[in-house]
Amino acid sequence: MQQMRDAGFVNVTRLNFKMPIGPWAKDERLRQAGLFGYVNLYDGFYGLSVKVFTQMLGWTVEEMEVLLAECRQELRRKDIHGYWKIWVIYAQKPFDVTDETRT
C-alpha cells in the first residue's frame, strides 16, 4: 500500500478476502466463485506447470503428469477446504485543481 501512496495516490484501501477453491462455501456466491476457481485450477494445472517442471527442473512430461494426477486427486478431496488469499487494493488519483479538463 505504501507503494501506492509513494506513487501519489490518496485514499488507499485494502480489502482482504478468502476465495474458496471448490464449492464448499456456505454462501451461494462464494460457492459459485469457488466452483469456477476449482475448474480453472483443475484444468490449468498442466499449463501452469509444464515450463517450470520440464525446462527448469528437468522433469520429463510423464513424470510431471504423474505429479499432476496426484494434485488433481488431492484437489477433489471433500475434507479439504482450500482457499486463495486475495487482496484488493484501490485508491484515488489526487484531484488537481489546475487540471483544465475537469469541469
C-alpha atoms as a PDB file:
ATOM      1  CA  MET A   1       0.000   0.000   0.000  1.00  0.00           C
ATOM      2  CA  GLN A   2       2.884   2.311   0.694  1.00  0.00           C
ATOM      3  CA  GLN A   3       3.958   1.985  -2.937  1.00  0.00           C
ATOM      4  CA  MET A   4       0.571   3.346  -3.999  1.00  0.00           C
ATOM      5  CA  ARG A   5       0.996   6.291  -1.638  1.00  0.00           C
ATOM      6  CA  ASP A   6       4.561   6.831  -2.845  1.00  0.00           C
ATOM      7  CA  ALA A   7       3.192   6.947  -6.406  1.00  0.00           C
ATOM      8  CA  GLY A   8       0.935   9.823  -5.346  1.00  0.00           C
ATOM      9  CA  PHE A   9      -2.390   8.061  -4.815  1.00  0.00           C
ATOM     10  CA  VAL A  10      -4.684   9.012  -1.933  1.00  0.00           C
ATOM     11  CA  ASN A  11      -7.420   7.191  -0.003  1.00  0.00           C
ATOM     12  CA  VAL A  12      -5.590   3.899  -0.444  1.00  0.00           C
ATOM     13  CA  THR A  13      -7.730   0.986   0.755  1.00  0.00           C
ATOM     14  CA  ARG A  14      -7.004  -2.725   1.042  1.00  0.00           C
ATOM     15  CA  LEU A  15      -9.678  -5.403   1.268  1.00  0.00           C
ATOM     16  CA  ASN A  16      -8.765  -8.955   2.290  1.00  0.00           C
ATOM     17  CA  PHE A  17     -10.761 -11.938   1.035  1.00  0.00           C
ATOM     18  CA  LYS A  18     -10.581 -15.690   1.291  1.00  0.00           C
ATOM     19  CA  MET A  19     -11.684 -17.115  -2.063  1.00  0.00           C
ATOM     20  CA  PRO A  20     -12.673 -20.784  -1.757  1.00  0.00           C
ATOM     21  CA  ILE A  21     -11.235 -23.412  -4.070  1.00  0.00           C
ATOM     22  CA  GLY A  22     -14.182 -25.694  -4.700  1.00  0.00           C
ATOM     23  CA  PRO A  23     -17.922 -25.478  -3.994  1.00  0.00           C
ATOM     24  CA  TRP A  24     -17.671 -25.962  -0.221  1.00  0.00           C
ATOM     25  CA  ALA A  25     -18.583 -22.460   0.988  1.00  0.00           C
ATOM     26  CA  LYS A  26     -21.980 -21.935   2.623  1.00  0.00           C
ATOM     27  CA  ASP A  27     -22.598 -18.606   0.894  1.00  0.00           C
ATOM     28  CA  GLU A  28     -24.045 -19.172  -2.603  1.00  0.00           C
ATOM     29  CA  ARG A  29     -21.897 -16.505  -4.299  1.00  0.00           C
ATOM     30  CA  LEU A  30     -18.722 -17.880  -2.721  1.00  0.00           C
ATOM     31  CA  ARG A  31     -19.801 -21.412  -3.645  1.00  0.00           C
ATOM     32  CA  GLN A  32     -20.166 -20.368  -7.303  1.00  0.00           C
ATOM     33  CA  ALA A  33     -16.862 -18.475  -7.269  1.00  0.00           C
ATOM     34  CA  GLY A  34     -15.173 -21.459  -5.631  1.00  0.00           C
ATOM     35  CA  LEU A  35     -16.516 -23.795  -8.292  1.00  0.00           C
ATOM     36  CA  PHE A  36     -15.178 -21.563 -11.074  1.00  0.00           C
ATOM     37  CA  GLY A  37     -11.815 -21.331  -9.316  1.00  0.00           C
ATOM     38  CA  TYR A  38     -11.734 -25.097  -8.883  1.00  0.00           C
ATOM     39  CA  VAL A  39     -12.393 -25.726 -12.575  1.00  0.00           C
ATOM     40  CA  ASN A  40      -9.773 -23.175 -13.625  1.00  0.00           C
ATOM     41  CA  LEU A  41      -7.152 -24.670 -11.322  1.00  0.00           C
ATOM     42  CA  TYR A  42      -8.028 -28.278 -12.152  1.00  0.00           C
ATOM     43  CA  ASP A  43      -7.933 -27.650 -15.897  1.00  0.00           C
ATOM     44  CA  GLY A  44      -4.975 -25.272 -15.689  1.00  0.00           C
ATOM     45  CA  PHE A  45      -2.519 -27.465 -13.770  1.00  0.00           C
ATOM     46  CA  TYR A  46      -0.734 -28.549 -16.950  1.00  0.00           C
ATOM     47  CA  GLY A  47      -0.330 -25.050 -18.361  1.00  0.00           C
ATOM     48  CA  LEU A  48       0.800 -23.668 -15.011  1.00  0.00           C
ATOM     49  CA  SER A  49       3.361 -26.437 -14.540  1.00  0.00           C
ATOM     50  CA  VAL A  50       4.830 -27.578 -17.844  1.00  0.00           C
ATOM     51  CA  LYS A  51       7.538 -24.937 -18.322  1.00  0.00           C
ATOM     52  CA  VAL A  52       8.729 -24.981 -14.715  1.00  0.00           C
ATOM     53  CA  PHE A  53       8.874 -28.752 -14.368  1.00  0.00           C
ATOM     54  CA  THR A  54      10.235 -29.673 -17.811  1.00  0.00           C
ATOM     55  CA  GLN A  55      12.505 -26.768 -18.740  1.00  0.00           C
ATOM     56  CA  MET A  56      13.626 -25.516 -15.347  1.00  0.00           C
ATOM     57  CA  LEU A  57      13.581 -28.638 -13.179  1.00  0.00           C
ATOM     58  CA  GLY A  58      14.414 -31.135 -15.920  1.00  0.00           C
ATOM     59  CA  TRP A  59      11.441 -33.457 -15.366  1.00  0.00           C
ATOM     60  CA  THR A  60      10.003 -35.478 -18.207  1.00  0.00           C
ATOM     61  CA  VAL A  61       6.432 -34.745 -19.246  1.00  0.00           C
ATOM     62  CA  GLU A  62       5.484 -38.206 -17.971  1.00  0.00           C
ATOM     63  CA  GLU A  63       6.960 -37.503 -14.508  1.00  0.00           C
ATOM     64  CA  MET A  64       5.122 -34.213 -14.373  1.00  0.00           C
ATOM     65  CA  GLU A  65       1.843 -35.847 -15.432  1.00  0.00           C
ATOM     66  CA  VAL A  66       2.117 -38.315 -12.537  1.00  0.00           C
ATOM     67  CA  LEU A  67       2.513 -35.441 -10.080  1.00  0.00           C
ATOM     68  CA  LEU A  68      -0.366 -33.521 -11.650  1.00  0.00           C
ATOM     69  CA  ALA A  69      -2.614 -36.582 -11.366  1.00  0.00           C
ATOM     70  CA  GLU A  70      -1.814 -36.685  -7.646  1.00  0.00           C
ATOM     71  CA  CYS A  71      -2.507 -32.949  -7.351  1.00  0.00           C
ATOM     72  CA  ARG A  72      -5.873 -33.353  -9.081  1.00  0.00           C
ATOM     73  CA  GLN A  73      -6.718 -36.214  -6.744  1.00  0.00           C
ATOM     74  CA  GLU A  74      -5.930 -34.029  -3.721  1.00  0.00           C
ATOM     75  CA  LEU A  75      -7.953 -31.165  -5.181  1.00  0.00           C
ATOM     76  CA  ARG A  76     -11.017 -33.445  -5.412  1.00  0.00           C
ATOM     77  CA  ARG A  77     -10.916 -34.287  -1.691  1.00  0.00           C
ATOM     78  CA  LYS A  78     -14.069 -33.117   0.083  1.00  0.00           C
ATOM     79  CA  ASP A  79     -12.421 -32.922   3.510  1.00  0.00           C
ATOM     80  CA  ILE A  80     -10.040 -30.143   2.450  1.00  0.00           C
ATOM     81  CA  HIS A  81     -11.486 -26.645   2.253  1.00  0.00           C
ATOM     82  CA  GLY A  82      -8.763 -24.804   0.389  1.00  0.00           C
ATOM     83  CA  TYR A  83      -8.850 -21.118  -0.413  1.00  0.00           C
ATOM     84  CA  TRP A  84      -6.814 -18.363  -2.022  1.00  0.00           C
ATOM     85  CA  LYS A  85      -5.891 -15.280  -0.040  1.00  0.00           C
ATOM     86  CA  ILE A  86      -6.950 -12.327  -2.171  1.00  0.00           C
ATOM     87  CA  TRP A  87      -6.006  -8.715  -1.547  1.00  0.00           C
ATOM     88  CA  VAL A  88      -7.773  -5.988  -3.480  1.00  0.00           C
ATOM     89  CA  ILE A  89      -6.112  -2.597  -3.289  1.00  0.00           C
ATOM     90  CA  TYR A  90      -7.704   0.509  -4.709  1.00  0.00           C
ATOM     91  CA  ALA A  91      -7.025   4.219  -4.452  1.00  0.00           C
ATOM     92  CA  GLN A  92      -7.819   7.593  -5.907  1.00  0.00           C
ATOM     93  CA  LYS A  93      -5.705   9.729  -8.122  1.00  0.00           C
ATOM     94  CA  PRO A  94      -5.474  13.073  -6.321  1.00  0.00           C
ATOM     95  CA  PHE A  95      -7.645  15.847  -7.706  1.00  0.00           C
ATOM     96  CA  ASP A  96      -5.531  18.526  -9.348  1.00  0.00           C
ATOM     97  CA  VAL A  97      -7.264  21.920  -9.249  1.00  0.00           C
ATOM     98  CA  THR A  98      -5.072  23.134 -12.114  1.00  0.00           C
ATOM     99  CA  ASP A  99      -6.337  20.346 -14.388  1.00  0.00           C
ATOM    100  CA  GLU A 100      -8.245  22.199 -17.146  1.00  0.00           C
ATOM    101  CA  THR A 101     -10.008  19.025 -18.356  1.00  0.00           C
ATOM    102  CA  ARG A 102     -12.234  18.844 -15.253  1.00  0.00           C
ATOM    103  CA  THR A 103     -15.409  20.870 -15.214  1.00  0.00           C
END
